[in-house]
Amino acid sequence: MKRKQPPLPISALPEHGQSRAELLAELEKFAENDPDYRAGRTFSLTYHLGDEHEQFLSDAGRKFASANGLNPSAFQSLKSMETQLVAAGARLFHGPPDVTGIMTAGGTEGCMLAVKTYRDRARRLRRVKKPEMVVPRTAHVAWLKGAEYFGIRLRFIPETADLGPDLEKLPKLINRRTIMVLGSAPEYPRGMIDPIAAMAKIAADAHVPMHVDACVGGFILPFMEMNGEELPDWDFRARGVTSISADLHKYGYAGKGASLILYRNGDLFKDQIFVETDWPGGVFASAGMLGTRPGAAYASAWATLGHIGTDGYRKLAAETLNTTETLKAGITTIKGLTIIGKPQGPLFAYRSTDKRLDIFAVGDRMEARGWHIDRVQNPDGLHAMVTIRHTEVVDEYLADLKAAVDEVRADPKLAQSGSAATYGMLAHVPMRGMVKKRVREIFAGLYAPGGGTADLSATSARGIGGMMDRLATRIAARRARKERRR
């Protein structure tokens, strides 16, 4: 009798293949410890419209599961879908007739492409050798990642008292090395829409491109406006906006791995294209960062936009915004909590106004109740990205939040344990270089051979706990040395 093979190990392929039914059952087990996004317990990472819609995405993607968008002249089906998606995005964002763009695998690829495009354009037209880009402090971390990858110096726009970018300082940050200015609609940490029109005018007057990161807002802000919400001009209506990135897989509710990057015209787009003419494999050109571009992402995005339609997106936007406002209103009724800044749209963060109430400890107590909670810093707070799935859990969330606040207020020592202590230390420790080094070491350990997902939480806890102990020791030693020198 043949010995039954265990589930696919991480060290080697099984000697004999398992049945599809067995593997599908094992896949279900993999998800046992994942966040319960279907029940609205997460406020980031997922945009779940329901199991029926998920099946629809699967059916649409399956028809093109083996198709590859690498060569647009080969799978003309995918190129046709992409062309239609770009045209739909251009119209939503009030673009001129010659808007040009592509689908990307996500918002981060769009950010990377914009950085690469404007760097190369500045090299070609202005011979810029030491490129810089000007961004608000709240710019998504993907832009910082892009700057590191492509060798760009970041110049941050200071914040005003109301937490927006200081427009008076912006012109002084632009110089001959500036390759682009960035604005967000909205920015991720607090959900505020940057003053795009004013920023774009300053950029245009300086003859510098302006990109709008609408990865979050691109497929909800237009429908909010259609529903009568008053929003500032954030798209191609603003003179000086030269490109926009927007995620189809967020509030567009397409399958994961589907975003757009759009340029005001084809001349701007040309600098995004990679071309190699001397490769032995032949002349090669690529419009995006990826080689293989999965056809399933094209198909599910195209099908989703066609199925939901303008009226469907307007309804989703209205219900999502109503849920967001209900949550914000409920949070502000809880003593000691307030919304950070003036968010417009489905994202926001909230903080503690009571020194005795540690907001990260509140997050820990919410997670103990089954919620997946994201943290922000400067100022410290808890984050929420509201989707249609949260409409059903508003009352439960607010009740649990009130209970969590009461629990932390009754026992302030909760701030000294769990992730509250970790986040509190990480957010305020002055030795940022040391934090960066230790976090990199921990992450490397998570991806080391044999580092399975079962060990992820324990490894993180041990690593971060040890890191915090070492940091605390070093900080104490540094302070002692300063005291002695005095």
Protein backbone atom coordinates (compact mmCIF):
# COMPACT_ATOMS: atom_id res chain seq x y z
CA MET A 1 0.00 0.00 0.00
CA LYS A 2 1.33 3.41 -0.94
CA ARG A 3 2.17 5.69 1.92
CA LYS A 4 0.01 8.80 1.93
CA GLN A 5 2.01 11.93 1.23
CA PRO A 6 1.86 14.79 3.72
CA PRO A 7 0.88 18.27 2.56
CA LEU A 8 3.44 19.88 0.29
CA PRO A 9 6.50 20.50 2.51
CA ILE A 10 8.55 23.66 2.23
CA SER A 11 11.79 21.72 1.75
CA ALA A 12 10.93 19.49 -1.22
CA LEU A 13 8.23 18.41 -3.64
CA PRO A 14 6.26 15.30 -2.63
CA GLU A 15 7.36 12.10 -4.37
CA HIS A 16 3.82 11.51 -5.62
CA GLY A 17 1.29 14.19 -6.44
CA GLN A 18 -1.77 14.56 -4.22
CA SER A 19 -5.35 14.77 -5.37
CA ARG A 20 -6.89 18.15 -6.10
CA ALA A 21 -9.49 17.60 -3.38
CA GLU A 22 -6.83 16.95 -0.76
CA LEU A 23 -4.86 20.05 -1.70
CA LEU A 24 -7.93 22.26 -1.76
CA ALA A 25 -8.75 21.03 1.74
CA GLU A 26 -5.20 21.84 2.85
CA LEU A 27 -5.54 25.34 1.41
CA GLU A 28 -8.53 25.88 3.67
CA LYS A 29 -6.34 24.97 6.64
CA PHE A 30 -3.69 27.50 5.60
CA ALA A 31 -6.27 30.25 6.09
CA GLU A 32 -7.32 29.24 9.59
CA ASN A 33 -5.27 31.98 11.28
CA ASP A 34 -5.81 34.67 8.67
CA PRO A 35 -7.83 37.82 9.50
CA ASP A 36 -11.58 37.29 9.13
CA TYR A 37 -12.13 39.81 6.33
CA ARG A 38 -15.38 38.21 5.22
CA ALA A 39 -16.94 39.24 8.53
CA GLY A 40 -15.58 42.78 8.30
CA ARG A 41 -12.97 42.29 11.03
CA THR A 42 -10.15 43.91 9.04
CA PHE A 43 -9.69 47.58 8.18
CA SER A 44 -6.93 47.23 5.59
CA LEU A 45 -5.47 44.81 3.02
CA THR A 46 -8.77 43.44 1.69
CA TYR A 47 -11.78 44.77 -0.23
CA HIS A 48 -14.34 41.99 -0.08
CA LEU A 49 -17.64 42.56 -1.85
CA GLY A 50 -19.02 39.15 -0.94
CA ASP A 51 -18.54 35.48 -1.75
CA GLU A 52 -20.69 35.71 -4.88
CA HIS A 53 -18.53 38.52 -6.26
CA GLU A 54 -15.39 36.57 -5.33
CA GLN A 55 -16.67 33.63 -7.34
CA PHE A 56 -17.33 35.98 -10.25
CA LEU A 57 -13.74 37.24 -10.08
CA SER A 58 -12.51 33.66 -10.07
CA ASP A 59 -14.67 32.72 -13.06
CA ALA A 60 -13.54 35.74 -15.08
CA GLY A 61 -9.88 35.26 -14.22
CA ARG A 62 -9.95 31.55 -14.98
CA LYS A 63 -10.77 32.25 -18.63
CA PHE A 64 -7.40 34.00 -18.98
CA ALA A 65 -5.40 32.25 -16.24
CA SER A 66 -2.62 31.24 -18.64
CA ALA A 67 -2.66 34.41 -20.75
CA ASN A 68 0.33 36.74 -20.49
CA GLY A 69 0.29 40.50 -21.05
CA LEU A 70 4.06 40.68 -21.57
CA ASN A 71 3.73 41.02 -25.34
CA PRO A 72 0.72 43.20 -26.25
CA SER A 73 0.82 42.00 -29.87
CA ALA A 74 0.47 38.35 -28.82
CA PHE A 75 -2.51 38.33 -26.44
CA GLN A 76 -4.51 41.04 -28.14
CA SER A 77 -7.45 40.14 -25.90
CA LEU A 78 -5.57 41.46 -22.86
CA LYS A 79 -4.44 44.57 -24.70
CA SER A 80 -8.05 45.30 -25.66
CA MET A 81 -9.15 44.96 -22.03
CA GLU A 82 -6.29 47.17 -20.88
CA THR A 83 -7.14 49.83 -23.46
CA GLN A 84 -10.74 49.91 -22.27
CA LEU A 85 -9.73 50.09 -18.60
CA VAL A 86 -7.31 52.95 -19.30
CA ALA A 87 -10.02 54.80 -21.24
CA ALA A 88 -12.52 54.30 -18.38
CA GLY A 89 -9.99 55.62 -15.87
CA ALA A 90 -9.12 58.60 -18.07
CA ARG A 91 -12.77 59.57 -18.33
CA LEU A 92 -13.38 59.15 -14.59
CA PHE A 93 -10.39 61.39 -13.84
CA HIS A 94 -11.42 64.09 -16.36
CA GLY A 95 -8.43 63.46 -18.58
CA PRO A 96 -7.90 64.93 -22.05
CA PRO A 97 -8.35 62.71 -25.15
CA ASP A 98 -4.69 61.68 -25.36
CA VAL A 99 -4.33 60.21 -21.85
CA THR A 100 -2.02 57.18 -22.10
CA GLY A 101 -1.31 54.45 -19.56
CA ILE A 102 -1.22 50.81 -18.61
CA MET A 103 -2.46 48.35 -16.04
CA THR A 104 0.00 47.61 -13.25
CA ALA A 105 0.20 44.83 -10.68
CA GLY A 106 -0.63 47.22 -7.83
CA GLY A 107 -0.19 50.70 -6.48
CA THR A 108 3.46 50.16 -5.59
CA GLU A 109 4.35 49.30 -9.18
CA GLY A 110 2.59 52.49 -10.28
CA CYS A 111 4.60 54.53 -7.78
CA MET A 112 7.83 52.90 -8.94
CA LEU A 113 7.02 53.57 -12.58
CA ALA A 114 6.27 57.23 -11.96
CA VAL A 115 9.58 57.68 -10.13
CA LYS A 116 11.47 55.90 -12.92
CA THR A 117 9.65 57.83 -15.64
CA TYR A 118 10.28 61.27 -14.21
CA ARG A 119 13.87 60.45 -13.31
CA ASP A 120 14.59 59.37 -16.88
CA ARG A 121 12.71 62.32 -18.31
CA ALA A 122 14.74 64.75 -16.19
CA ARG A 123 17.94 63.03 -17.31
CA ARG A 124 16.95 63.22 -20.96
CA LEU A 125 15.60 66.76 -21.11
CA ARG A 126 17.50 68.56 -18.35
CA ARG A 127 20.56 66.36 -17.78
CA VAL A 128 19.73 65.99 -14.09
CA LYS A 129 22.39 63.81 -12.45
CA LYS A 130 21.36 64.01 -8.79
CA PRO A 131 17.56 63.75 -8.92
CA GLU A 132 15.22 64.85 -6.12
CA MET A 133 11.49 64.62 -5.63
CA VAL A 134 9.27 66.68 -3.34
CA VAL A 135 6.65 64.84 -1.30
CA PRO A 136 4.46 65.49 1.76
CA ARG A 137 5.36 63.69 4.99
CA THR A 138 2.20 61.62 4.60
CA ALA A 139 3.20 60.23 1.19
CA HIS A 140 2.69 56.48 1.05
CA VAL A 141 5.76 54.49 2.00
CA ALA A 142 5.87 53.09 -1.56
CA TRP A 143 7.23 56.47 -2.67
CA LEU A 144 10.02 56.24 -0.11
CA LYS A 145 10.69 52.75 -1.40
CA GLY A 146 10.80 54.04 -4.98
CA ALA A 147 13.22 56.80 -3.98
CA GLU A 148 15.53 54.22 -2.39
CA TYR A 149 15.32 51.84 -5.35
CA PHE A 150 15.98 54.49 -8.00
CA GLY A 151 18.49 56.66 -6.16
CA ILE A 152 16.29 59.72 -5.64
CA ARG A 153 16.79 62.21 -2.81
CA LEU A 154 13.53 62.94 -0.97
CA ARG A 155 12.65 66.47 0.06
CA PHE A 156 9.71 66.55 2.47
CA ILE A 157 7.16 69.34 2.59
CA PRO A 158 6.70 70.42 6.23
CA GLU A 159 3.26 70.09 7.79
CA THR A 160 1.04 72.94 8.89
CA ALA A 161 -0.80 73.00 12.19
CA ASP A 162 -3.81 71.29 10.56
CA LEU A 163 -1.51 68.46 9.37
CA GLY A 164 -1.59 69.40 5.67
CA PRO A 165 1.47 70.18 3.49
CA ASP A 166 2.77 73.73 3.93
CA LEU A 167 2.28 75.31 0.49
CA GLU A 168 4.35 78.34 1.41
CA LYS A 169 7.39 76.09 1.76
CA LEU A 170 6.78 74.11 -1.43
CA PRO A 171 8.27 76.56 -3.99
CA LYS A 172 11.52 76.76 -2.03
CA LEU A 173 11.89 72.96 -2.12
CA ILE A 174 11.76 72.83 -5.93
CA ASN A 175 15.03 73.34 -7.79
CA ARG A 176 16.75 72.30 -11.01
CA ARG A 177 17.24 68.75 -9.65
CA THR A 178 13.53 68.22 -8.91
CA ILE A 179 12.10 65.48 -11.10
CA MET A 180 8.52 65.54 -9.73
CA VAL A 181 6.15 66.73 -7.01
CA LEU A 182 3.71 64.31 -5.37
CA GLY A 183 0.25 64.77 -3.91
CA SER A 184 -2.19 62.15 -2.58
CA ALA A 185 -5.95 61.80 -2.93
CA PRO A 186 -6.26 60.83 -0.17
CA GLU A 187 -3.06 60.18 1.76
CA TYR A 188 -3.06 56.89 3.63
CA PRO A 189 -2.15 57.70 7.27
CA ARG A 190 -5.01 60.16 7.96
CA GLY A 191 -7.25 60.07 4.90
CA MET A 192 -6.83 63.74 4.00
CA ILE A 193 -6.78 64.91 0.37
CA ASP A 194 -3.70 67.01 -0.32
CA PRO A 195 -4.30 70.46 -1.89
CA ILE A 196 -3.66 69.01 -5.34
CA ALA A 197 -4.70 72.00 -7.47
CA ALA A 198 -2.49 74.45 -5.56
CA MET A 199 0.44 72.03 -5.52
CA ALA A 200 0.05 71.31 -9.23
CA LYS A 201 0.03 75.02 -10.09
CA ILE A 202 3.27 75.55 -8.17
CA ALA A 203 4.79 72.54 -9.94
CA ALA A 204 3.60 73.71 -13.37
CA ASP A 205 4.94 77.22 -12.81
CA ALA A 206 8.31 75.60 -12.05
CA HIS A 207 8.00 73.33 -15.14
CA VAL A 208 8.08 70.21 -12.95
CA PRO A 209 5.74 67.18 -13.36
CA MET A 210 3.10 66.51 -10.71
CA HIS A 211 1.86 63.01 -9.90
CA VAL A 212 -1.32 62.25 -7.94
CA ASP A 213 -1.33 59.08 -5.86
CA ALA A 214 -5.00 58.13 -6.02
CA CYS A 215 -4.36 54.45 -5.40
CA VAL A 216 -6.92 54.52 -2.60
CA GLY A 217 -9.27 57.22 -3.83
CA GLY A 218 -9.32 56.69 -7.58
CA PHE A 219 -12.35 54.45 -7.65
CA ILE A 220 -14.41 56.05 -4.90
CA LEU A 221 -13.78 59.82 -5.01
CA PRO A 222 -15.36 60.26 -8.49
CA PHE A 223 -18.51 58.49 -7.36
CA MET A 224 -18.63 60.48 -4.13
CA GLU A 225 -18.61 63.62 -6.29
CA MET A 226 -21.37 62.21 -8.50
CA ASN A 227 -23.38 61.70 -5.32
CA GLY A 228 -23.04 65.39 -4.43
CA GLU A 229 -20.01 65.38 -2.12
CA GLU A 230 -17.96 68.56 -2.47
CA LEU A 231 -14.31 67.67 -3.00
CA PRO A 232 -11.37 69.77 -4.16
CA ASP A 233 -10.09 69.21 -7.70
CA TRP A 234 -7.66 66.33 -7.35
CA ASP A 235 -7.39 64.83 -10.84
CA PHE A 236 -6.57 65.98 -14.40
CA ARG A 237 -8.87 68.97 -13.91
CA ALA A 238 -6.04 70.55 -11.95
CA ARG A 239 -3.60 72.31 -14.24
CA GLY A 240 -0.17 70.80 -13.76
CA VAL A 241 -1.26 67.24 -12.87
CA THR A 242 0.70 65.13 -15.32
CA SER A 243 -0.06 61.60 -14.08
CA ILE A 244 -2.33 59.64 -11.75
CA SER A 245 -2.15 56.15 -10.26
CA ALA A 246 -5.30 54.37 -9.05
CA ASP A 247 -5.97 50.87 -7.75
CA LEU A 248 -8.73 48.85 -9.37
CA HIS A 249 -8.38 46.21 -6.64
CA LYS A 250 -9.28 48.60 -3.83
CA TYR A 251 -12.57 50.47 -4.15
CA GLY A 252 -12.91 49.19 -7.71
CA TYR A 253 -13.35 45.75 -6.09
CA ALA A 254 -11.38 43.97 -8.83
CA GLY A 255 -9.20 40.97 -8.06
CA LYS A 256 -5.82 41.56 -6.46
CA GLY A 257 -3.03 42.72 -8.73
CA ALA A 258 -4.94 45.32 -10.78
CA SER A 259 -4.12 49.04 -10.88
CA LEU A 260 -3.71 51.84 -13.41
CA ILE A 261 -1.10 54.48 -14.09
CA LEU A 262 -2.23 57.22 -16.47
CA TYR A 263 -0.25 60.08 -18.06
CA ARG A 264 -1.76 63.26 -19.47
CA ASN A 265 -0.21 62.46 -22.85
CA GLY A 266 1.84 59.89 -24.69
CA ASP A 267 5.00 61.98 -24.65
CA LEU A 268 5.19 61.67 -20.86
CA PHE A 269 4.47 57.95 -21.09
CA LYS A 270 7.44 57.31 -23.41
CA ASP A 271 9.93 57.65 -20.57
CA GLN A 272 8.23 54.79 -18.73
CA ILE A 273 9.06 52.32 -21.51
CA PHE A 274 12.13 50.10 -21.26
CA VAL A 275 13.80 49.21 -24.57
CA GLU A 276 16.83 46.99 -25.26
CA THR A 277 18.01 46.64 -28.86
CA ASP A 278 21.20 44.55 -28.52
CA TRP A 279 19.96 41.58 -26.48
CA PRO A 280 20.72 38.24 -28.23
CA GLY A 281 17.10 37.28 -27.68
CA GLY A 282 15.97 40.07 -29.97
CA VAL A 283 14.76 43.63 -29.61
CA PHE A 284 12.84 43.86 -26.32
CA ALA A 285 10.43 46.49 -25.04
CA SER A 286 8.33 46.59 -21.88
CA ALA A 287 5.87 49.23 -20.73
CA GLY A 288 5.84 48.19 -17.06
CA MET A 289 8.16 46.77 -14.42
CA LEU A 290 6.90 43.21 -14.67
CA GLY A 291 7.81 40.74 -17.36
CA THR A 292 4.97 38.26 -17.19
CA ARG A 293 1.71 40.10 -16.57
CA PRO A 294 -1.03 37.70 -15.39
CA GLY A 295 -4.04 37.69 -17.68
CA ALA A 296 -6.42 36.85 -14.85
CA ALA A 297 -5.91 40.32 -13.35
CA TYR A 298 -6.91 41.99 -16.63
CA ALA A 299 -9.99 39.84 -17.05
CA SER A 300 -11.30 40.16 -13.50
CA ALA A 301 -10.81 43.95 -13.53
CA TRP A 302 -12.51 44.35 -16.89
CA ALA A 303 -15.41 42.14 -15.82
CA THR A 304 -15.79 43.88 -12.46
CA LEU A 305 -16.06 47.39 -13.90
CA GLY A 306 -18.54 46.20 -16.48
CA HIS A 307 -20.65 44.35 -13.90
CA ILE A 308 -20.82 47.03 -11.20
CA GLY A 309 -21.14 50.04 -13.52
CA THR A 310 -21.47 53.69 -12.58
CA ASP A 311 -24.73 53.26 -10.69
CA GLY A 312 -23.30 50.37 -8.69
CA TYR A 313 -20.17 52.29 -7.76
CA ARG A 314 -22.25 55.30 -6.76
CA LYS A 315 -24.28 53.10 -4.43
CA LEU A 316 -21.16 51.50 -2.96
CA ALA A 317 -19.58 54.94 -2.43
CA ALA A 318 -22.70 56.29 -0.71
CA GLU A 319 -23.00 53.34 1.67
CA THR A 320 -19.27 53.30 2.40
CA LEU A 321 -19.16 57.02 3.15
CA ASN A 322 -22.25 56.74 5.37
CA THR A 323 -20.58 53.92 7.30
CA THR A 324 -17.39 55.98 7.60
CA GLU A 325 -19.22 58.99 8.98
CA THR A 326 -21.16 56.79 11.43
CA LEU A 327 -17.91 55.28 12.68
CA LYS A 328 -16.22 58.68 13.05
CA ALA A 329 -19.21 60.12 14.89
CA GLY A 330 -19.33 57.12 17.21
CA ILE A 331 -15.62 57.31 17.96
CA THR A 332 -15.81 60.98 18.91
CA THR A 333 -18.53 60.22 21.45
CA ILE A 334 -16.11 57.96 23.34
CA LYS A 335 -14.36 59.98 26.01
CA GLY A 336 -10.67 60.42 25.29
CA LEU A 337 -10.77 59.78 21.52
CA THR A 338 -10.71 62.18 18.57
CA ILE A 339 -10.27 61.97 14.80
CA ILE A 340 -6.85 63.02 13.46
CA GLY A 341 -7.00 65.90 10.99
CA LYS A 342 -9.87 66.42 8.53
CA PRO A 343 -10.23 63.25 6.45
CA GLN A 344 -12.35 63.25 3.29
CA GLY A 345 -13.42 59.83 2.13
CA PRO A 346 -13.26 56.28 3.48
CA LEU A 347 -9.96 56.49 5.42
CA PHE A 348 -9.30 58.03 8.80
CA ALA A 349 -7.27 57.61 11.97
CA TYR A 350 -8.07 58.47 15.57
CA ARG A 351 -5.95 59.17 18.63
CA SER A 352 -6.17 59.57 22.37
CA THR A 353 -6.62 62.99 23.96
CA ASP A 354 -6.04 61.56 27.44
CA LYS A 355 -2.43 61.07 28.57
CA ARG A 356 -3.60 58.19 30.75
CA LEU A 357 -5.15 56.41 27.77
CA ASP A 358 -2.55 54.68 25.59
CA ILE A 359 -4.03 54.35 22.09
CA PHE A 360 -1.79 51.41 21.19
CA ALA A 361 -3.01 49.53 24.26
CA VAL A 362 -6.56 50.21 23.03
CA GLY A 363 -5.52 48.62 19.73
CA ASP A 364 -4.25 45.55 21.61
CA ARG A 365 -7.55 45.17 23.41
CA MET A 366 -9.44 45.49 20.12
CA GLU A 367 -7.30 42.75 18.61
CA ALA A 368 -8.04 40.58 21.63
CA ARG A 369 -11.69 40.96 20.60
CA GLY A 370 -10.96 39.69 17.08
CA TRP A 371 -10.36 42.91 15.13
CA HIS A 372 -7.33 43.39 12.86
CA ILE A 373 -6.04 46.87 13.76
CA ASP A 374 -3.43 49.03 12.01
CA ARG A 375 -1.38 51.65 13.89
CA VAL A 376 -0.07 55.04 12.76
CA GLN A 377 2.44 57.41 14.33
CA ASN A 378 3.23 61.15 14.51
CA PRO A 379 0.72 61.42 16.12
CA ASP A 380 0.08 57.95 17.53
CA GLY A 381 -3.25 56.54 16.48
CA LEU A 382 -5.35 53.66 15.18
CA HIS A 383 -6.25 53.48 11.50
CA ALA A 384 -9.40 52.51 9.64
CA MET A 385 -9.94 51.97 5.92
CA VAL A 386 -13.69 51.50 5.63
CA THR A 387 -15.26 49.28 2.97
CA ILE A 388 -18.79 48.15 2.21
CA ARG A 389 -18.18 45.07 4.38
CA HIS A 390 -18.04 47.25 7.51
CA THR A 391 -21.63 48.43 7.13
CA GLU A 392 -22.73 45.31 8.98
CA VAL A 393 -20.35 45.66 11.94
CA VAL A 394 -20.44 49.37 12.87
CA ASP A 395 -22.32 48.90 16.14
CA GLU A 396 -20.18 45.93 17.17
CA TYR A 397 -16.95 47.82 16.44
CA LEU A 398 -18.01 50.87 18.42
CA ALA A 399 -19.18 48.76 21.36
CA ASP A 400 -15.90 46.88 21.44
CA LEU A 401 -13.94 50.11 21.13
CA LYS A 402 -15.79 51.63 24.09
CA ALA A 403 -15.08 48.49 26.12
CA ALA A 404 -11.41 48.52 25.09
CA VAL A 405 -11.03 52.18 26.12
CA ASP A 406 -12.64 51.47 29.49
CA GLU A 407 -10.35 48.48 30.00
CA VAL A 408 -7.16 50.45 29.28
CA ARG A 409 -8.27 53.40 31.37
CA ALA A 410 -8.94 51.05 34.29
CA ASP A 411 -5.54 49.37 33.90
CA PRO A 412 -2.85 51.74 32.51
CA LYS A 413 -0.25 48.97 32.91
CA LEU A 414 -1.64 47.44 29.70
CA ALA A 415 0.46 50.05 27.86
CA GLN A 416 3.60 48.35 29.15
CA SER A 417 2.99 44.96 27.53
CA GLY A 418 2.15 43.43 24.17
CA SER A 419 2.41 45.38 20.95
CA ALA A 420 1.45 48.57 22.80
CA ALA A 421 4.89 48.64 24.39
CA THR A 422 6.56 47.75 21.09
CA TYR A 423 4.75 50.34 18.99
CA GLY A 424 5.11 52.96 21.69
CA MET A 425 8.86 52.46 21.80
CA LEU A 426 9.30 52.18 18.01
CA ALA A 427 7.31 55.35 17.41
CA HIS A 428 9.33 57.50 19.80
CA VAL A 429 12.80 55.99 20.16
CA PRO A 430 15.33 58.56 18.92
CA MET A 431 17.78 56.02 17.50
CA ARG A 432 16.00 55.52 14.16
CA GLY A 433 19.01 53.97 12.44
CA MET A 434 19.19 51.25 15.07
CA VAL A 435 15.47 50.56 14.75
CA LYS A 436 15.84 50.24 10.97
CA LYS A 437 18.75 47.84 11.32
CA ARG A 438 17.00 45.60 13.84
CA VAL A 439 13.73 45.49 11.91
CA ARG A 440 15.68 44.49 8.78
CA GLU A 441 17.32 41.66 10.74
CA ILE A 442 13.97 40.42 12.02
CA PHE A 443 12.46 40.49 8.54
CA ALA A 444 15.43 38.63 7.10
CA GLY A 445 14.91 35.98 9.77
CA LEU A 446 11.27 35.58 8.79
CA TYR A 447 12.29 34.81 5.21
CA ALA A 448 15.22 32.55 6.11
CA PRO A 449 15.06 28.87 5.02
CA GLY A 450 12.59 27.01 7.20
CA GLY A 451 10.86 30.16 8.43
CA GLY A 452 7.28 29.03 7.96
CA THR A 453 4.12 30.98 8.60
CA ALA A 454 3.40 28.95 11.72
CA ASP A 455 6.43 30.53 13.34
CA LEU A 456 5.71 34.06 12.12
CA SER A 457 3.98 35.46 15.20
CA ALA A 458 6.34 33.86 17.68
CA THR A 459 9.42 34.86 15.70
CA SER A 460 8.20 38.43 15.45
CA ALA A 461 7.43 38.64 19.12
CA ARG A 462 10.78 37.23 20.14
CA GLY A 463 12.69 39.35 17.66
CA ILE A 464 10.94 42.60 18.40
CA GLY A 465 10.97 41.93 22.12
CA GLY A 466 14.71 41.33 22.07
CA MET A 467 15.23 44.35 19.85
CA MET A 468 13.32 46.56 22.26
CA ASP A 469 15.36 45.28 25.19
CA ARG A 470 18.61 46.07 23.38
CA LEU A 471 17.34 49.48 22.30
CA ALA A 472 16.27 50.34 25.82
CA THR A 473 19.70 49.34 27.13
CA ARG A 474 21.52 51.43 24.53
CA ILE A 475 19.28 54.44 25.03
CA ALA A 476 19.84 54.27 28.79
CA ALA A 477 23.61 54.03 28.24
CA ARG A 478 23.58 56.99 25.87
CA ARG A 479 21.61 59.09 28.35
CA ALA A 480 23.99 58.10 31.14
CA ARG A 481 26.98 59.22 29.05
CA LYS A 482 25.33 62.57 28.37
CA GLU A 483 24.65 63.04 32.06
CA ARG A 484 28.28 62.30 32.91
CA ARG A 485 29.53 64.81 30.33
CA ARG A 486 27.38 67.48 31.97
